[in-house]
């Protein structure tokens, strides 16, 4: 489908409001998922790092207690 002008492209044959609303809402949802995933990844990595440090401290304490 070809459009004669940019305003015709934006209008989308009278359905522009619904078309652009659906594109916009889809983009917002995808951005929300992206930011949520990045936040969850950061939180999980931090948790794993803390667990590894905790296990290392426990291991050192057991070695010192055994000496």
C-alpha atoms as a PDB file:
ATOM      1  CA  UNK A   1       0.000   0.000   0.000  1.00  0.00           C
ATOM      2  CA  UNK A   2       1.440   3.358  -0.995  1.00  0.00           C
ATOM      3  CA  UNK A   3       0.653   6.681   0.605  1.00  0.00           C
ATOM      4  CA  UNK A   4       0.552  10.006  -1.220  1.00  0.00           C
ATOM      5  CA  UNK A   5       1.950  11.989   1.711  1.00  0.00           C
ATOM      6  CA  UNK A   6       3.311  11.592   5.207  1.00  0.00           C
ATOM      7  CA  UNK A   7      -0.004  12.721   6.714  1.00  0.00           C
ATOM      8  CA  UNK A   8      -1.767   9.942   4.769  1.00  0.00           C
ATOM      9  CA  UNK A   9       0.764   7.508   6.220  1.00  0.00           C
ATOM     10  CA  UNK A  10       0.054   8.751   9.738  1.00  0.00           C
ATOM     11  CA  UNK A  11      -3.720   8.644   9.148  1.00  0.00           C
ATOM     12  CA  UNK A  12      -3.550   5.037   7.851  1.00  0.00           C
ATOM     13  CA  UNK A  13      -6.786   5.351   5.949  1.00  0.00           C
ATOM     14  CA  UNK A  14      -8.696   6.622   8.982  1.00  0.00           C
ATOM     15  CA  UNK A  15      -7.359   3.929  11.324  1.00  0.00           C
ATOM     16  CA  UNK A  16      -4.179   5.744  12.337  1.00  0.00           C
ATOM     17  CA  UNK A  17      -5.223   6.271  15.946  1.00  0.00           C
ATOM     18  CA  UNK A  18      -5.742   2.536  16.494  1.00  0.00           C
ATOM     19  CA  UNK A  19      -2.682   1.492  14.502  1.00  0.00           C
ATOM     20  CA  UNK A  20      -0.304   3.849  16.293  1.00  0.00           C
ATOM     21  CA  UNK A  21      -1.910   3.157  19.661  1.00  0.00           C
ATOM     22  CA  UNK A  22      -1.286  -0.563  19.181  1.00  0.00           C
ATOM     23  CA  UNK A  23       2.318   0.035  18.073  1.00  0.00           C
ATOM     24  CA  UNK A  24       2.912   2.351  21.030  1.00  0.00           C
ATOM     25  CA  UNK A  25       1.409   0.011  23.596  1.00  0.00           C
ATOM     26  CA  UNK A  26       3.389  -2.900  22.163  1.00  0.00           C
ATOM     27  CA  UNK A  27       6.615  -0.863  22.356  1.00  0.00           C
ATOM     28  CA  UNK A  28       5.900   0.117  25.980  1.00  0.00           C
ATOM     29  CA  UNK A  29       5.199  -3.480  26.949  1.00  0.00           C
ATOM     30  CA  UNK A  30       8.402  -4.695  25.284  1.00  0.00           C
ATOM     31  CA  UNK A  31      10.436  -1.963  26.992  1.00  0.00           C
ATOM     32  CA  UNK A  32       8.858  -2.907  30.317  1.00  0.00           C
ATOM     33  CA  UNK A  33       9.817  -6.536  29.790  1.00  0.00           C
ATOM     34  CA  UNK A  34      13.360  -5.515  28.835  1.00  0.00           C
ATOM     35  CA  UNK A  35      13.876  -3.345  31.916  1.00  0.00           C
ATOM     36  CA  UNK A  36      12.288  -5.967  34.167  1.00  0.00           C
ATOM     37  CA  UNK A  37      14.592  -8.653  32.768  1.00  0.00           C
ATOM     38  CA  UNK A  38      17.666  -6.471  33.202  1.00  0.00           C
ATOM     39  CA  UNK A  39      16.654  -5.687  36.792  1.00  0.00           C
ATOM     40  CA  UNK A  40      16.028  -9.370  37.567  1.00  0.00           C
ATOM     41  CA  UNK A  41      19.384 -10.333  36.054  1.00  0.00           C
ATOM     42  CA  UNK A  42      21.188  -7.760  38.177  1.00  0.00           C
ATOM     43  CA  UNK A  43      19.367  -8.957  41.296  1.00  0.00           C
ATOM     44  CA  UNK A  44      20.127 -12.633  40.610  1.00  0.00           C
ATOM     45  CA  UNK A  45      23.818 -11.965  39.940  1.00  0.00           C
ATOM     46  CA  UNK A  46      24.049 -10.004  43.188  1.00  0.00           C
ATOM     47  CA  UNK A  47      22.355 -12.829  45.082  1.00  0.00           C
ATOM     48  CA  UNK A  48      24.705 -15.443  43.623  1.00  0.00           C
ATOM     49  CA  UNK A  49      27.707 -13.274  44.473  1.00  0.00           C
ATOM     50  CA  UNK A  50      26.509 -12.893  48.077  1.00  0.00           C
ATOM     51  CA  UNK A  51      25.913 -16.644  48.371  1.00  0.00           C
ATOM     52  CA  UNK A  52      29.426 -17.388  47.079  1.00  0.00           C
ATOM     53  CA  UNK A  53      30.929 -14.944  49.596  1.00  0.00           C
ATOM     54  CA  UNK A  54      28.874 -16.522  52.381  1.00  0.00           C
ATOM     55  CA  UNK A  55      30.051 -20.006  51.426  1.00  0.00           C
ATOM     56  CA  UNK A  56      33.666 -18.814  51.294  1.00  0.00           C
ATOM     57  CA  UNK A  57      33.386 -17.350  54.805  1.00  0.00           C
ATOM     58  CA  UNK A  58      31.890 -20.607  56.094  1.00  0.00           C
ATOM     59  CA  UNK A  59      34.676 -22.596  54.435  1.00  0.00           C
ATOM     60  CA  UNK A  60      37.362 -20.374  56.013  1.00  0.00           C
ATOM     61  CA  UNK A  61      35.689 -20.623  59.427  1.00  0.00           C
ATOM     62  CA  UNK A  62      35.632 -24.440  59.233  1.00  0.00           C
ATOM     63  CA  UNK A  63      39.291 -24.520  58.212  1.00  0.00           C
ATOM     64  CA  UNK A  64      40.274 -22.250  61.114  1.00  0.00           C
ATOM     65  CA  UNK A  65      38.218 -24.302  63.548  1.00  0.00           C
ATOM     66  CA  UNK A  66      39.875 -27.511  62.346  1.00  0.00           C
ATOM     67  CA  UNK A  67      43.429 -26.232  62.914  1.00  0.00           C
END
